């Protein structure tokens, strides 16, 4: 009996100790509003996140559309791009407020048929008043291409470290290159026995020969020039190959004046019409 009484007293003491904790706990029906409030806050947070994600998707779509338009307009397509930044220590202890960041950029792209790789560094300097940046190094790597005339232009762009001029001039250079290629191809297909392209349609010169008049040849040299300011323009010249006997008979120096007359013809008729006139001049039978 004593053992049973002791056990009962122990259970009563345990119950007495547990009763305050049970009284402090919230009843399930009292807990529901708080749970509902928590779920509501989570839903609102997710809704704001979804709305923000939709805005980002919309903005990304607009940027992709603009980039596609620019690529179509300029022919320049950037396929790969990476950037690394490095904080540089201040060289002047008195100018501790000046912050310098070195950005290393690398991009791979193409302008229609020309593939290029650019590696350049931009030094960004920030002080209390303003932020300035400058390209400190530029390296342009051009993959082997039909455009052999690009080498001088690329070297000048690297020396000047002018990215804007590089992209602008490259766009116009490729446009002129493709136009020259189409023009030479057109005349070769139209006059296969008269027009000769020793280096194919990508050549920078075209020869006109008449099989019935051996020894006579007109050579049109068509170069694409890029000046110091990055302006791209075509330059066409005419060279003549005439037998010595014919030169002696040319009392009016018509052959000697032919290159100058050809430039005048270009200004009046344009490139294609001027070339057509030369072909028909040397080969009258082509008029038929």
Protein backbone atom coordinates (compact mmCIF):
# COMPACT_ATOMS: atom_id res chain seq x y z
CA UNK A 1 0.00 0.00 0.00
CA UNK A 2 2.83 2.39 0.82
CA UNK A 3 4.40 1.73 -2.58
CA UNK A 4 1.11 2.45 -4.36
CA UNK A 5 0.65 5.69 -2.42
CA UNK A 6 4.15 6.80 -3.33
CA UNK A 7 3.46 6.11 -7.02
CA UNK A 8 0.21 8.06 -6.87
CA UNK A 9 1.95 11.02 -5.23
CA UNK A 10 4.65 10.96 -7.93
CA UNK A 11 2.02 10.98 -10.69
CA UNK A 12 0.18 13.86 -8.99
CA UNK A 13 3.39 15.84 -8.80
CA UNK A 14 4.10 15.22 -12.51
CA UNK A 15 0.58 16.31 -13.43
CA UNK A 16 0.97 19.45 -11.37
CA UNK A 17 4.20 20.24 -13.15
CA UNK A 18 2.73 19.67 -16.63
CA UNK A 19 -0.50 21.62 -16.03
CA UNK A 20 1.10 25.16 -16.37
CA UNK A 21 2.72 24.21 -19.67
CA UNK A 22 -0.56 22.89 -21.01
CA UNK A 23 -2.38 26.03 -19.95
CA UNK A 24 0.16 28.19 -21.80
CA UNK A 25 -0.29 26.35 -25.12
CA UNK A 26 -2.72 27.87 -27.59
CA UNK A 27 -5.76 25.85 -28.51
CA UNK A 28 -5.86 24.62 -32.15
CA UNK A 29 -8.82 26.85 -33.01
CA UNK A 30 -6.90 29.83 -31.64
CA UNK A 31 -3.82 28.89 -33.72
CA UNK A 32 -5.62 28.95 -37.10
CA UNK A 33 -5.71 32.74 -37.68
CA UNK A 34 -1.95 33.00 -37.14
CA UNK A 35 -1.28 30.15 -39.58
CA UNK A 36 -3.58 31.70 -42.16
CA UNK A 37 -1.76 35.03 -41.78
CA UNK A 38 1.60 33.33 -42.36
CA UNK A 39 0.34 31.61 -45.52
CA UNK A 40 -1.06 34.92 -46.75
CA UNK A 41 2.30 36.63 -46.26
CA UNK A 42 4.07 33.83 -48.13
CA UNK A 43 1.57 34.04 -51.01
CA UNK A 44 1.97 37.79 -51.26
CA UNK A 45 5.76 37.45 -51.26
CA UNK A 46 5.62 34.84 -54.03
CA UNK A 47 3.19 36.98 -56.05
CA UNK A 48 5.60 39.92 -55.88
CA UNK A 49 8.43 37.63 -56.92
CA UNK A 50 6.42 36.27 -59.86
CA UNK A 51 5.52 39.83 -60.91
CA UNK A 52 9.18 40.83 -60.70
CA UNK A 53 10.17 37.78 -62.74
CA UNK A 54 7.62 38.68 -65.41
CA UNK A 55 9.05 42.21 -65.59
CA UNK A 56 12.55 40.79 -65.97
CA UNK A 57 11.39 38.42 -68.70
CA UNK A 58 9.68 41.28 -70.51
CA UNK A 59 12.78 43.47 -70.24
CA UNK A 60 15.00 40.61 -71.39
CA UNK A 61 12.71 40.05 -74.37
CA UNK A 62 12.96 43.70 -75.37
CA UNK A 63 16.75 43.66 -75.07
CA UNK A 64 17.00 40.50 -77.17
CA UNK A 65 14.74 42.07 -79.79
CA UNK A 66 16.89 45.23 -79.90
CA UNK A 67 20.07 43.16 -80.10
CA UNK A 68 18.62 41.12 -82.97
CA UNK A 69 17.66 44.33 -84.79
CA UNK A 70 21.16 45.79 -84.35
CA UNK A 71 22.76 42.53 -85.54
CA UNK A 72 20.54 42.56 -88.64
CA UNK A 73 21.25 46.25 -89.28
CA UNK A 74 25.02 46.15 -88.80
CA UNK A 75 25.77 42.52 -89.61
CA UNK A 76 27.76 42.28 -86.35
CA UNK A 77 26.95 39.33 -84.11
CA UNK A 78 28.58 38.78 -80.69
CA UNK A 79 28.66 35.05 -79.95
CA UNK A 80 30.64 34.96 -76.73
CA UNK A 81 31.57 37.56 -74.11
CA UNK A 82 33.31 37.53 -70.73
CA UNK A 83 34.63 40.14 -68.31
CA UNK A 84 36.85 40.03 -65.24
CA UNK A 85 37.40 42.92 -62.83
CA UNK A 86 40.32 43.67 -60.55
CA UNK A 87 40.58 46.40 -57.91
CA UNK A 88 43.92 48.16 -58.16
CA UNK A 89 45.72 49.59 -55.14
CA UNK A 90 46.19 53.36 -55.05
CA UNK A 91 49.66 54.47 -56.14
CA UNK A 92 49.35 57.80 -54.38
CA UNK A 93 48.86 57.58 -50.61
CA UNK A 94 47.57 61.15 -50.58
CA UNK A 95 44.78 60.14 -52.94
CA UNK A 96 43.23 57.31 -50.97
CA UNK A 97 39.77 58.41 -52.07
CA UNK A 98 40.62 57.57 -55.70
CA UNK A 99 39.42 54.09 -56.67
CA UNK A 100 40.71 52.27 -59.73
CA UNK A 101 39.17 49.17 -61.29
CA UNK A 102 40.69 47.27 -64.19
CA UNK A 103 38.21 45.47 -66.44
CA UNK A 104 39.44 42.72 -68.73
CA UNK A 105 37.05 42.06 -71.60
CA UNK A 106 37.05 39.28 -74.16
CA UNK A 107 34.52 38.79 -76.92
CA UNK A 108 34.14 36.62 -79.98
CA UNK A 109 31.94 37.56 -82.89
CA UNK A 110 31.59 38.04 -86.60
CA UNK A 111 30.56 40.66 -89.12
CA UNK A 112 28.94 38.54 -91.80
CA UNK A 113 31.81 36.52 -93.30
CA UNK A 114 34.57 38.07 -91.12
CA UNK A 115 35.22 36.46 -87.72
CA UNK A 116 37.06 38.42 -85.05
CA UNK A 117 38.19 38.10 -81.44
CA UNK A 118 38.77 41.15 -79.25
CA UNK A 119 40.71 41.32 -76.01
CA UNK A 120 40.86 44.73 -74.35
CA UNK A 121 41.32 46.35 -70.95
CA UNK A 122 39.42 49.32 -69.54
CA UNK A 123 40.79 51.27 -66.59
CA UNK A 124 38.01 52.93 -64.63
CA UNK A 125 39.02 55.69 -62.22
CA UNK A 126 36.57 57.05 -59.67
CA UNK A 127 37.12 59.98 -57.30
CA UNK A 128 34.83 62.24 -55.32
CA UNK A 129 33.81 64.30 -58.35
CA UNK A 130 33.61 62.01 -61.38
CA UNK A 131 34.18 58.61 -62.95
CA UNK A 132 36.40 58.27 -66.02
CA UNK A 133 37.40 55.27 -68.10
CA UNK A 134 39.92 54.60 -70.84
CA UNK A 135 40.97 51.63 -72.95
CA UNK A 136 44.53 50.80 -71.95
CA UNK A 137 45.11 47.80 -74.21
CA UNK A 138 43.46 46.40 -77.35
CA UNK A 139 44.27 43.23 -79.21
CA UNK A 140 42.33 42.24 -82.35
CA UNK A 141 42.62 38.75 -83.75
CA UNK A 142 41.14 38.19 -87.21
CA UNK A 143 40.65 34.64 -88.41
CA UNK A 144 41.92 33.84 -91.93
CA UNK A 145 39.58 35.46 -94.40
CA UNK A 146 39.22 36.48 -98.02
CA UNK A 147 39.53 40.14 -96.96
CA UNK A 148 43.31 40.49 -97.23
CA UNK A 149 43.02 44.31 -97.13
CA UNK A 150 41.95 44.29 -93.47
CA UNK A 151 45.42 43.89 -91.96
CA UNK A 152 46.47 47.55 -92.20
CA UNK A 153 43.12 48.76 -90.87
CA UNK A 154 43.27 46.34 -87.90
CA UNK A 155 46.81 47.43 -86.99
CA UNK A 156 45.75 51.08 -86.97
CA UNK A 157 42.69 50.32 -84.80
CA UNK A 158 44.90 48.49 -82.27
CA UNK A 159 47.34 51.39 -82.17
CA UNK A 160 44.60 53.98 -81.58
CA UNK A 161 42.60 51.71 -79.21
CA UNK A 162 39.37 52.93 -80.78
CA UNK A 163 36.66 50.27 -80.50
CA UNK A 164 33.84 52.38 -81.92
CA UNK A 165 35.78 53.19 -85.09
CA UNK A 166 36.76 49.52 -85.44
CA UNK A 167 33.16 48.28 -85.40
CA UNK A 168 31.86 51.10 -87.62
CA UNK A 169 34.62 50.73 -90.20
CA UNK A 170 34.41 46.93 -90.17
CA UNK A 171 30.69 47.11 -90.95
CA UNK A 172 31.18 49.38 -93.98
CA UNK A 173 34.28 47.51 -95.13
CA UNK A 174 32.41 44.20 -95.24
CA UNK A 175 29.52 45.86 -97.10
CA UNK A 176 31.87 47.14 -99.81
CA UNK A 177 33.69 43.81 -99.94
CA UNK A 178 30.46 41.91 -100.54
CA UNK A 179 29.34 44.46 -103.14
CA UNK A 180 32.65 44.09 -105.03
CA UNK A 181 32.33 40.31 -104.86
CA UNK A 182 28.76 40.38 -106.24
CA UNK A 183 29.75 42.81 -109.01
CA UNK A 184 32.70 40.72 -110.19
CA UNK A 185 30.58 37.57 -110.06
CA UNK A 186 27.86 39.26 -112.13
CA UNK A 187 30.25 40.28 -114.94
CA UNK A 188 32.04 36.94 -114.92
CA UNK A 189 28.74 35.12 -115.38
CA UNK A 190 27.53 37.60 -118.02
CA UNK A 191 30.80 37.69 -120.02
CA UNK A 192 32.60 34.43 -119.19
CA UNK A 193 35.00 34.59 -122.17
CA UNK A 194 35.89 38.27 -121.71
CA UNK A 195 36.12 38.79 -117.95
CA UNK A 196 38.90 36.97 -116.08
CA UNK A 197 39.30 36.71 -112.29
CA UNK A 198 42.58 35.01 -111.50
CA UNK A 199 41.80 34.86 -107.75
CA UNK A 200 38.08 34.13 -108.09
CA UNK A 201 35.20 36.46 -107.26
CA UNK A 202 36.99 37.55 -104.05
CA UNK A 203 39.82 39.07 -106.10
CA UNK A 204 40.49 42.80 -105.91
CA UNK A 205 41.09 43.14 -109.66
CA UNK A 206 39.35 42.11 -112.86
CA UNK A 207 40.89 41.65 -116.31
CA UNK A 208 39.09 42.33 -119.60
CA UNK A 209 40.48 40.59 -122.69
CA UNK A 210 39.34 40.19 -126.26
CA UNK A 211 40.36 36.91 -127.87
CA UNK A 212 40.16 38.46 -131.35
CA UNK A 213 42.62 41.22 -130.33
CA UNK A 214 45.55 39.50 -128.59
CA UNK A 215 47.83 41.76 -126.61
CA UNK A 216 45.09 44.18 -125.57
CA UNK A 217 44.01 44.01 -121.93
CA UNK A 218 42.24 46.30 -119.48
CA UNK A 219 42.88 45.68 -115.79
CA UNK A 220 40.49 47.17 -113.23
CA UNK A 221 42.01 47.39 -109.74
CA UNK A 222 39.31 47.78 -107.09
CA UNK A 223 40.62 48.47 -103.58
CA UNK A 224 38.69 49.25 -100.40
CA UNK A 225 40.40 52.02 -98.45
CA UNK A 226 40.00 52.99 -94.78
CA UNK A 227 41.41 56.44 -94.00
CA UNK A 228 42.85 57.67 -90.69
CA UNK A 229 39.40 58.67 -89.42
CA UNK A 230 37.91 55.26 -90.23
CA UNK A 231 35.99 56.34 -93.34
CA UNK A 232 35.62 53.47 -95.82
CA UNK A 233 35.51 54.14 -99.56
CA UNK A 234 36.20 52.24 -102.79
CA UNK A 235 39.07 53.18 -105.06
CA UNK A 236 39.05 51.95 -108.66
CA UNK A 237 41.92 52.39 -111.10
CA UNK A 238 42.43 51.32 -114.69
CA UNK A 239 45.64 49.85 -116.07
CA UNK A 240 46.10 49.22 -119.78
CA UNK A 241 48.15 46.64 -121.60
CA UNK A 242 48.59 47.56 -125.25
CA UNK A 243 51.07 46.28 -127.90
CA UNK A 244 53.95 48.63 -128.65
CA UNK A 245 52.83 49.01 -132.23
CA UNK A 246 49.43 50.29 -131.13
CA UNK A 247 51.06 52.81 -128.80
CA UNK A 248 53.00 54.30 -131.71
CA UNK A 249 49.78 54.74 -133.66
CA UNK A 250 48.07 56.51 -130.72
CA UNK A 251 48.89 60.08 -131.76
CA UNK A 252 46.24 61.62 -129.46
CA UNK A 253 47.52 59.79 -126.31
CA UNK A 254 44.12 58.21 -125.76
CA UNK A 255 45.64 55.17 -124.07
CA UNK A 256 47.78 57.34 -121.83
CA UNK A 257 44.72 59.32 -120.73
CA UNK A 258 42.58 56.20 -120.23
CA UNK A 259 43.01 55.97 -116.40
CA UNK A 260 41.89 59.60 -115.92
CA UNK A 261 39.00 59.13 -118.35
CA UNK A 262 37.95 56.03 -116.41
CA UNK A 263 37.73 58.00 -113.14
CA UNK A 264 35.53 60.58 -114.89
CA UNK A 265 33.38 57.74 -116.22
CA UNK A 266 32.97 56.40 -112.68
CA UNK A 267 31.74 59.76 -111.41
CA UNK A 268 29.21 60.06 -114.24
CA UNK A 269 27.89 56.49 -114.59
CA UNK A 270 28.77 54.72 -111.36
CA UNK A 271 30.77 51.54 -110.88
CA UNK A 272 28.66 48.91 -112.65
CA UNK A 273 27.79 51.01 -115.69
CA UNK A 274 31.41 52.14 -116.07
CA UNK A 275 32.68 48.55 -116.04
CA UNK A 276 30.03 47.52 -118.55
CA UNK A 277 31.13 50.37 -120.85
CA UNK A 278 34.77 49.20 -120.73
CA UNK A 279 33.79 45.64 -121.60
CA UNK A 280 31.76 46.75 -124.59
CA UNK A 281 34.50 49.18 -125.66
CA UNK A 282 37.17 46.48 -125.84
CA UNK A 283 34.80 43.80 -127.04
CA UNK A 284 32.22 45.39 -129.39
CA UNK A 285 30.78 41.97 -130.19
CA UNK A 286 29.45 41.83 -126.60
CA UNK A 287 26.86 44.45 -127.60
CA UNK A 288 25.03 41.67 -129.39
